[in-house]
Amino acid sequence: MNITASTLYSYIKCPHRVYRDAFDDQSLKALPNEFVQLLWEKGVKHEQDVIAKQKGDIDILDLSGVPREERFEKTLEAMKNKAPYIYQGSLEVDELVGRPDLLELQFNGEYVPIDIKSGMGYDGDDDAGDGKLKKSYAVQIALYVDALIRLGFLTQNLGKILDSTGNIVDYDLSTVRGSRNPQPWWEFYVDTLAAVRSVYNKSFITEPALGNECKICEWYEDCKSKCVNANCLTLIPELGRSRKEALKVITGDFKDFSKIELKDFVAAKNSHGIKGIAEKMFLAFSRRAKLLASGKKDPLILGDFSFPKKPIEIFFDIETDPTQEIVYLHGAVERREGREENVFYSFTAKDVSAEEEKRAWAEFWAYIRSLPKDEWAMYYYSKYERTQFRILASKYSDAASSEEVEWLFDPIRSIDLYSDIVKKHTEWPTYNYSIKTLAQHLGFNWRDENPSGAASIQWFNEWCDNKDPKTMQRILDYNEDDCIAMIVLKDKLNSLIEK
């Protein structure tokens, strides 16, 4: 069975997906996620745009129009003839099948693979990488390198990424993964390749697990159903696949896990060498497992907290498109004492441009500055809004400065419901602590049948193309519902602490 760069990418994200793609009933898959399709389309367009710009400056042999079954032979012929650059070539050797975006001829006559990416070349925040190679990029580049070495066109473990900023990032696979992980990247690739082989020959039995990226996978609903039926450990919020694997030596599901006492866990940890779970973490997971097993609906309150008493409350949420690096919507539901109905304010970019992003942000700030001094409190969910506002301040300081952003997000006036309240002071009988999960658990339903930030991005891209008012209204309704969900959550928490 062939192993491709996409296979390795999938394995890094989820080993069980590799198994299911290879052997499972494909009718159990859902249709491809619209956001994933959008990312793929944008990635292809970005790649084509990059190549179109480069063709006037460098000599590129374009093989993208050659039928797949003939492309390997054409690529071999081009490399033997020392073509300076080969676009969309094919590398086939043993079980490896690789299609690097570019093959670049070096001064020594060897070829180095280059992948064109629409994200940053380094791991970390896509606005400022932290200098570490990305695992998913590294294994893909490594497969191309491996194929070139086996074919006799390369002798070093080196590839390149052409990232979204136009920078070339060297992927030297002989370097180690990090200061705390001395494993060389090439060794990591070899291990990953071996693991994929073990999935294909069924010597490694994979299992479903729930994680952060599952919702955009076509197998998500079926895997989730299997996890629920099996009382999977990954239904415990934040436990994850790796900790599930570590805990398998002492427990099989969250109901059994909920019965384990701390002293028994410590003894098992010492005897079995369980890693990655400290005693404090065990206690948190244990509380969550007990809550899930209990069937109770109300959350567990872990400590004292309170909300500011203000006549005006602002529940705030933004919408961003990371594929185009734009904050396209600032939404706020305002609740005032003495007013029967809440009011939704939205400040929206009319197209993908710096001018429109700035205008929407400036209008949001005009709204904030219009509020009566010291008579309001703002609520948001997670630190993402603050992070994006800091970026916007660096881009458009004449609309609002960094100092104003820090003033706005000062805890005396702005409360991060997720980081400051839910995470610190509560446990919930749910599989995760997203605002959608918690609000739906409390009985709130979004108006849209497909409510998600990823869907909103897809709608925004549609709206940019067609300017259909119905599409924009869908975006606004979704954002407003996100804000209302925070009201539902805040009011529930407030009722519990006031009992």
Foldseek 3Di string as FASTA:
>chain_A
DADELVLLLVVVVPVVVSLCVVDNDPVLFAPFFLLVVVQVVLFVVLLVVVVVVCVVPAPEAECVPPDPVCQAVVVVVCLVVPRQKYAQGWFDDDRYIYGARMWGQDPVSATAGEHEELFDQADDDSVDHPPFGDLSVLLNSQSVQVRSVVVPRDDARWHWYLYNVRDIDINRQQAFRDPVGRHGNNVVNVVSVVVSVCSVVVVDDGAQADDDPLVSGRNNVVSVVVCVVQQALLLQAPCDDVNSVLCPVPDGHLLVLLPDDLVNVVVCCVVSVRPDADSVNSVSSSVLSVQLVVPDLDWDWADDDDDDDAQKEKQWDWADDPSLGATFKIKIWIHGPPDDDIDIDMQGQQARDPVSRLRSLLVVVVVVVPDPPPRYAYEYADCVVLVSVCVVQVVCVVSPHNVVSCVNCPVVRYDHCHPRPPVPTIHGNGSYDDLVGSLVSLPDDQPDPDQDSSVLNSLVVVCNVVVDVVSVVVNSSSRVSSSVSVVSVVVSVNVVNVD
